[in-house]
Amino acid sequence: MAINVALTEILACPLCKGKLKYDKTAQRLICLADALAYPVRNNIPVLIADEAEQLGPDEVKKWRS
């Protein structure tokens, strides 16, 4: 089961308050401004900075296109 798409439209990055993109394949929310990926566990977004994974430049570029 995937996270509700309507929920992703109202969520924001806890650090920069920017928009998040949903990575359905990896079950995570992407913040391009901070180059972070927040996990989604059991369909619940974990928007805690310490839990976020740093994205590499290539992955950020992929999401920007």
PDB file of N, CA and C in Angstrom:
ATOM      1  N   MET A   1       0.855  -1.187   0.000  1.00  0.00           N
ATOM      2  CA  MET A   1       0.000   0.000   0.000  1.00  0.00           C
ATOM      3  C   MET A   1       0.895   1.243   0.000  1.00  0.00           C
ATOM      4  N   ALA A   2       0.572   2.209  -0.806  1.00  0.00           N
ATOM      5  CA  ALA A   2       1.355   3.438  -0.925  1.00  0.00           C
ATOM      6  C   ALA A   2       0.739   4.540  -0.071  1.00  0.00           C
ATOM      7  N   ILE A   3       1.542   5.541   0.185  1.00  0.00           N
ATOM      8  CA  ILE A   3       1.082   6.700   0.938  1.00  0.00           C
ATOM      9  C   ILE A   3       0.032   7.455   0.114  1.00  0.00           C
ATOM     10  N   ASN A   4      -0.895   8.083   0.762  1.00  0.00           N
ATOM     11  CA  ASN A   4      -1.954   8.840   0.107  1.00  0.00           C
ATOM     12  C   ASN A   4      -1.353  10.043  -0.625  1.00  0.00           C
ATOM     13  N   VAL A   5      -1.608  10.151  -1.922  1.00  0.00           N
ATOM     14  CA  VAL A   5      -1.049  11.231  -2.739  1.00  0.00           C
ATOM     15  C   VAL A   5      -1.514  12.599  -2.240  1.00  0.00           C
ATOM     16  N   ALA A   6      -2.734  12.715  -1.777  1.00  0.00           N
ATOM     17  CA  ALA A   6      -3.232  13.995  -1.258  1.00  0.00           C
ATOM     18  C   ALA A   6      -2.404  14.447  -0.059  1.00  0.00           C
ATOM     19  N   LEU A   7      -1.943  13.494   0.732  1.00  0.00           N
ATOM     20  CA  LEU A   7      -1.114  13.826   1.896  1.00  0.00           C
ATOM     21  C   LEU A   7       0.216  14.422   1.450  1.00  0.00           C
ATOM     22  N   THR A   8       0.790  13.887   0.384  1.00  0.00           N
ATOM     23  CA  THR A   8       2.082  14.396  -0.080  1.00  0.00           C
ATOM     24  C   THR A   8       1.992  15.840  -0.556  1.00  0.00           C
ATOM     25  N   GLU A   9       0.817  16.262  -0.966  1.00  0.00           N
ATOM     26  CA  GLU A   9       0.654  17.634  -1.453  1.00  0.00           C
ATOM     27  C   GLU A   9       0.633  18.664  -0.324  1.00  0.00           C
ATOM     28  N   ILE A  10       0.355  18.251   0.899  1.00  0.00           N
ATOM     29  CA  ILE A  10       0.310  19.207   2.010  1.00  0.00           C
ATOM     30  C   ILE A  10       1.517  19.102   2.939  1.00  0.00           C
ATOM     31  N   LEU A  11       2.328  18.058   2.771  1.00  0.00           N
ATOM     32  CA  LEU A  11       3.519  17.903   3.604  1.00  0.00           C
ATOM     33  C   LEU A  11       4.623  18.833   3.127  1.00  0.00           C
ATOM     34  N   ALA A  12       5.481  19.241   4.065  1.00  0.00           N
ATOM     35  CA  ALA A  12       6.607  20.106   3.731  1.00  0.00           C
ATOM     36  C   ALA A  12       7.853  19.613   4.464  1.00  0.00           C
ATOM     37  N   CYS A  13       8.985  19.949   3.928  1.00  0.00           N
ATOM     38  CA  CYS A  13      10.256  19.607   4.562  1.00  0.00           C
ATOM     39  C   CYS A  13      10.333  20.314   5.917  1.00  0.00           C
ATOM     40  N   PRO A  14      10.690  19.603   6.974  1.00  0.00           N
ATOM     41  CA  PRO A  14      10.755  20.243   8.288  1.00  0.00           C
ATOM     42  C   PRO A  14      11.899  21.252   8.422  1.00  0.00           C
ATOM     43  N   LEU A  15      12.891  21.166   7.545  1.00  0.00           N
ATOM     44  CA  LEU A  15      14.018  22.099   7.624  1.00  0.00           C
ATOM     45  C   LEU A  15      13.781  23.390   6.847  1.00  0.00           C
ATOM     46  N   CYS A  16      13.430  23.262   5.567  1.00  0.00           N
ATOM     47  CA  CYS A  16      13.300  24.455   4.718  1.00  0.00           C
ATOM     48  C   CYS A  16      11.848  24.826   4.420  1.00  0.00           C
ATOM     49  N   LYS A  17      10.912  23.968   4.838  1.00  0.00           N
ATOM     50  CA  LYS A  17       9.464  24.162   4.594  1.00  0.00           C
ATOM     51  C   LYS A  17       9.110  24.077   3.120  1.00  0.00           C
ATOM     52  N   GLY A  18      10.012  23.496   2.325  1.00  0.00           N
ATOM     53  CA  GLY A  18       9.785  23.351   0.885  1.00  0.00           C
ATOM     54  C   GLY A  18       8.924  22.147   0.550  1.00  0.00           C
ATOM     55  N   LYS A  19       8.513  22.100  -0.693  1.00  0.00           N
ATOM     56  CA  LYS A  19       7.674  21.013  -1.199  1.00  0.00           C
ATOM     57  C   LYS A  19       8.477  19.717  -1.280  1.00  0.00           C
ATOM     58  N   LEU A  20       7.792  18.610  -1.045  1.00  0.00           N
ATOM     59  CA  LEU A  20       8.407  17.288  -1.106  1.00  0.00           C
ATOM     60  C   LEU A  20       7.861  16.513  -2.293  1.00  0.00           C
ATOM     61  N   LYS A  21       8.706  15.696  -2.893  1.00  0.00           N
ATOM     62  CA  LYS A  21       8.287  14.821  -3.985  1.00  0.00           C
ATOM     63  C   LYS A  21       8.265  13.401  -3.442  1.00  0.00           C
ATOM     64  N   TYR A  22       7.294  12.622  -3.881  1.00  0.00           N
ATOM     65  CA  TYR A  22       7.152  11.254  -3.402  1.00  0.00           C
ATOM     66  C   TYR A  22       7.838  10.267  -4.338  1.00  0.00           C
ATOM     67  N   ASP A  23       8.749   9.497  -3.787  1.00  0.00           N
ATOM     68  CA  ASP A  23       9.440   8.440  -4.515  1.00  0.00           C
ATOM     69  C   ASP A  23       8.729   7.131  -4.180  1.00  0.00           C
ATOM     70  N   LYS A  24       7.805   6.756  -5.045  1.00  0.00           N
ATOM     71  CA  LYS A  24       6.967   5.583  -4.796  1.00  0.00           C
ATOM     72  C   LYS A  24       7.797   4.303  -4.736  1.00  0.00           C
ATOM     73  N   THR A  25       8.800   4.202  -5.574  1.00  0.00           N
ATOM     74  CA  THR A  25       9.627   2.998  -5.635  1.00  0.00           C
ATOM     75  C   THR A  25      10.370   2.751  -4.324  1.00  0.00           C
ATOM     76  N   ALA A  26      10.992   3.782  -3.794  1.00  0.00           N
ATOM     77  CA  ALA A  26      11.799   3.641  -2.577  1.00  0.00           C
ATOM     78  C   ALA A  26      11.035   3.988  -1.301  1.00  0.00           C
ATOM     79  N   GLN A  27       9.762   4.370  -1.425  1.00  0.00           N
ATOM     80  CA  GLN A  27       8.946   4.735  -0.269  1.00  0.00           C
ATOM     81  C   GLN A  27       9.643   5.813   0.580  1.00  0.00           C
ATOM     82  N   ARG A  28       9.819   6.989  -0.041  1.00  0.00           N
ATOM     83  CA  ARG A  28      10.442   8.105   0.667  1.00  0.00           C
ATOM     84  C   ARG A  28       9.969   9.412   0.063  1.00  0.00           C
ATOM     85  N   LEU A  29      10.162  10.490   0.810  1.00  0.00           N
ATOM     86  CA  LEU A  29       9.812  11.832   0.367  1.00  0.00           C
ATOM     87  C   LEU A  29      11.104  12.600   0.141  1.00  0.00           C
ATOM     88  N   ILE A  30      11.206  13.237  -1.016  1.00  0.00           N
ATOM     89  CA  ILE A  30      12.433  13.911  -1.441  1.00  0.00           C
ATOM     90  C   ILE A  30      12.295  15.423  -1.297  1.00  0.00           C
ATOM     91  N   CYS A  31      13.276  16.037  -0.649  1.00  0.00           N
ATOM     92  CA  CYS A  31      13.386  17.498  -0.598  1.00  0.00           C
ATOM     93  C   CYS A  31      14.569  17.875  -1.480  1.00  0.00           C
ATOM     94  N   LEU A  32      14.292  18.486  -2.621  1.00  0.00           N
ATOM     95  CA  LEU A  32      15.362  18.863  -3.542  1.00  0.00           C
ATOM     96  C   LEU A  32      16.183  20.037  -3.022  1.00  0.00           C
ATOM     97  N   ALA A  33      15.569  20.936  -2.299  1.00  0.00           N
ATOM     98  CA  ALA A  33      16.281  22.113  -1.779  1.00  0.00           C
ATOM     99  C   ALA A  33      17.394  21.712  -0.807  1.00  0.00           C
ATOM    100  N   ASP A  34      17.121  20.721   0.032  1.00  0.00           N
ATOM    101  CA  ASP A  34      18.104  20.272   1.023  1.00  0.00           C
ATOM    102  C   ASP A  34      18.819  18.991   0.606  1.00  0.00           C
ATOM    103  N   ALA A  35      18.422  18.415  -0.532  1.00  0.00           N
ATOM    104  CA  ALA A  35      18.984  17.149  -1.026  1.00  0.00           C
ATOM    105  C   ALA A  35      18.865  16.053   0.026  1.00  0.00           C
ATOM    106  N   LEU A  36      17.646  15.916   0.572  1.00  0.00           N
ATOM    107  CA  LEU A  36      17.380  14.910   1.598  1.00  0.00           C
ATOM    108  C   LEU A  36      16.221  14.021   1.178  1.00  0.00           C
ATOM    109  N   ALA A  37      16.251  12.786   1.659  1.00  0.00           N
ATOM    110  CA  ALA A  37      15.164  11.837   1.432  1.00  0.00           C
ATOM    111  C   ALA A  37      14.663  11.365   2.795  1.00  0.00           C
ATOM    112  N   TYR A  38      13.392  11.646   3.072  1.00  0.00           N
ATOM    113  CA  TYR A  38      12.764  11.233   4.328  1.00  0.00           C
ATOM    114  C   TYR A  38      12.058   9.900   4.112  1.00  0.00           C
ATOM    115  N   PRO A  39      12.268   8.938   5.007  1.00  0.00           N
ATOM    116  CA  PRO A  39      11.640   7.630   4.818  1.00  0.00           C
ATOM    117  C   PRO A  39      10.132   7.661   5.076  1.00  0.00           C
ATOM    118  N   VAL A  40       9.448   6.697   4.477  1.00  0.00           N
ATOM    119  CA  VAL A  40       8.031   6.461   4.748  1.00  0.00           C
ATOM    120  C   VAL A  40       7.962   5.032   5.282  1.00  0.00           C
ATOM    121  N   ARG A  41       7.560   4.893   6.527  1.00  0.00           N
ATOM    122  CA  ARG A  41       7.500   3.573   7.156  1.00  0.00           C
ATOM    123  C   ARG A  41       6.055   3.248   7.510  1.00  0.00           C
ATOM    124  N   ASN A  42       5.596   2.100   7.051  1.00  0.00           N
ATOM    125  CA  ASN A  42       4.208   1.684   7.303  1.00  0.00           C
ATOM    126  C   ASN A  42       3.222   2.760   6.866  1.00  0.00           C
ATOM    127  N   ASN A  43       3.517   3.392   5.718  1.00  0.00           N
ATOM    128  CA  ASN A  43       2.687   4.453   5.137  1.00  0.00           C
ATOM    129  C   ASN A  43       2.644   5.723   5.979  1.00  0.00           C
ATOM    130  N   ILE A  44       3.608   5.888   6.865  1.00  0.00           N
ATOM    131  CA  ILE A  44       3.687   7.086   7.704  1.00  0.00           C
ATOM    132  C   ILE A  44       4.992   7.807   7.392  1.00  0.00           C
ATOM    133  N   PRO A  45       4.915   9.068   6.921  1.00  0.00           N
ATOM    134  CA  PRO A  45       6.137   9.828   6.644  1.00  0.00           C
ATOM    135  C   PRO A  45       6.886  10.128   7.936  1.00  0.00           C
ATOM    136  N   VAL A  46       8.189   9.873   7.918  1.00  0.00           N
ATOM    137  CA  VAL A  46       9.044  10.161   9.070  1.00  0.00           C
ATOM    138  C   VAL A  46       9.808  11.439   8.732  1.00  0.00           C
ATOM    139  N   LEU A  47       9.243  12.572   9.110  1.00  0.00           N
ATOM    140  CA  LEU A  47       9.831  13.875   8.761  1.00  0.00           C
ATOM    141  C   LEU A  47      10.708  14.384   9.900  1.00  0.00           C
ATOM    142  N   ILE A  48      11.723  13.617  10.209  1.00  0.00           N
ATOM    143  CA  ILE A  48      12.704  13.953  11.239  1.00  0.00           C
ATOM    144  C   ILE A  48      14.053  14.074  10.539  1.00  0.00           C
ATOM    145  N   ALA A  49      14.703  15.212  10.688  1.00  0.00           N
ATOM    146  CA  ALA A  49      15.953  15.474   9.972  1.00  0.00           C
ATOM    147  C   ALA A  49      17.013  14.404  10.237  1.00  0.00           C
ATOM    148  N   ASP A  50      17.099  13.908  11.453  1.00  0.00           N
ATOM    149  CA  ASP A  50      18.092  12.888  11.781  1.00  0.00           C
ATOM    150  C   ASP A  50      17.818  11.553  11.092  1.00  0.00           C
ATOM    151  N   GLU A  51      16.596  11.338  10.649  1.00  0.00           N
ATOM    152  CA  GLU A  51      16.219  10.102   9.958  1.00  0.00           C
ATOM    153  C   GLU A  51      16.397  10.211   8.444  1.00  0.00           C
ATOM    154  N   ALA A  52      16.628  11.415   7.951  1.00  0.00           N
ATOM    155  CA  ALA A  52      16.727  11.647   6.503  1.00  0.00           C
ATOM    156  C   ALA A  52      18.064  11.156   5.963  1.00  0.00           C
ATOM    157  N   GLU A  53      18.017  10.749   4.698  1.00  0.00           N
ATOM    158  CA  GLU A  53      19.204  10.293   3.989  1.00  0.00           C
ATOM    159  C   GLU A  53      19.656  11.401   3.035  1.00  0.00           C
ATOM    160  N   GLN A  54      20.955  11.681   3.038  1.00  0.00           N
ATOM    161  CA  GLN A  54      21.511  12.684   2.130  1.00  0.00           C
ATOM    162  C   GLN A  54      21.530  12.138   0.716  1.00  0.00           C
ATOM    163  N   LEU A  55      21.053  12.929  -0.244  1.00  0.00           N
ATOM    164  CA  LEU A  55      21.045  12.520  -1.649  1.00  0.00           C
ATOM    165  C   LEU A  55      22.305  13.013  -2.342  1.00  0.00           C
ATOM    166  N   GLY A  56      22.797  12.214  -3.268  1.00  0.00           N
ATOM    167  CA  GLY A  56      23.953  12.605  -4.058  1.00  0.00           C
ATOM    168  C   GLY A  56      23.537  13.554  -5.178  1.00  0.00           C
ATOM    169  N   PRO A  57      24.496  14.249  -5.766  1.00  0.00           N
ATOM    170  CA  PRO A  57      24.198  15.202  -6.846  1.00  0.00           C
ATOM    171  C   PRO A  57      23.491  14.573  -8.040  1.00  0.00           C
ATOM    172  N   ASP A  58      23.868  13.348  -8.380  1.00  0.00           N
ATOM    173  CA  ASP A  58      23.234  12.680  -9.533  1.00  0.00           C
ATOM    174  C   ASP A  58      21.760  12.397  -9.257  1.00  0.00           C
ATOM    175  N   GLU A  59      21.455  11.996  -8.033  1.00  0.00           N
ATOM    176  CA  GLU A  59      20.063  11.700  -7.697  1.00  0.00           C
ATOM    177  C   GLU A  59      19.220  12.976  -7.655  1.00  0.00           C
ATOM    178  N   VAL A  60      19.783  14.052  -7.136  1.00  0.00           N
ATOM    179  CA  VAL A  60      19.072  15.334  -7.121  1.00  0.00           C
ATOM    180  C   VAL A  60      18.786  15.781  -8.555  1.00  0.00           C
ATOM    181  N   LYS A  61      19.787  15.655  -9.414  1.00  0.00           N
ATOM    182  CA  LYS A  61      19.617  16.037 -10.818  1.00  0.00           C
ATOM    183  C   LYS A  61      18.504  15.222 -11.478  1.00  0.00           C
ATOM    184  N   LYS A  62      18.456  13.929 -11.180  1.00  0.00           N
ATOM    185  CA  LYS A  62      17.419  13.049 -11.724  1.00  0.00           C
ATOM    186  C   LYS A  62      16.033  13.532 -11.317  1.00  0.00           C
ATOM    187  N   TRP A  63      15.871  13.935 -10.071  1.00  0.00           N
ATOM    188  CA  TRP A  63      14.559  14.371  -9.573  1.00  0.00           C
ATOM    189  C   TRP A  63      14.164  15.752 -10.078  1.00  0.00           C
ATOM    190  N   ARG A  64      15.139  16.568 -10.425  1.00  0.00           N
ATOM    191  CA  ARG A  64      14.845  17.911 -10.942  1.00  0.00           C
ATOM    192  C   ARG A  64      14.312  17.862 -12.368  1.00  0.00           C
ATOM    193  N   SER A  65      14.667  16.822 -13.101  1.00  0.00           N
ATOM    194  CA  SER A  65      14.224  16.745 -14.498  1.00  0.00           C
ATOM    195  C   SER A  65      12.856  16.144 -14.646  1.00  0.00           C
TER     196      SER A  65
END
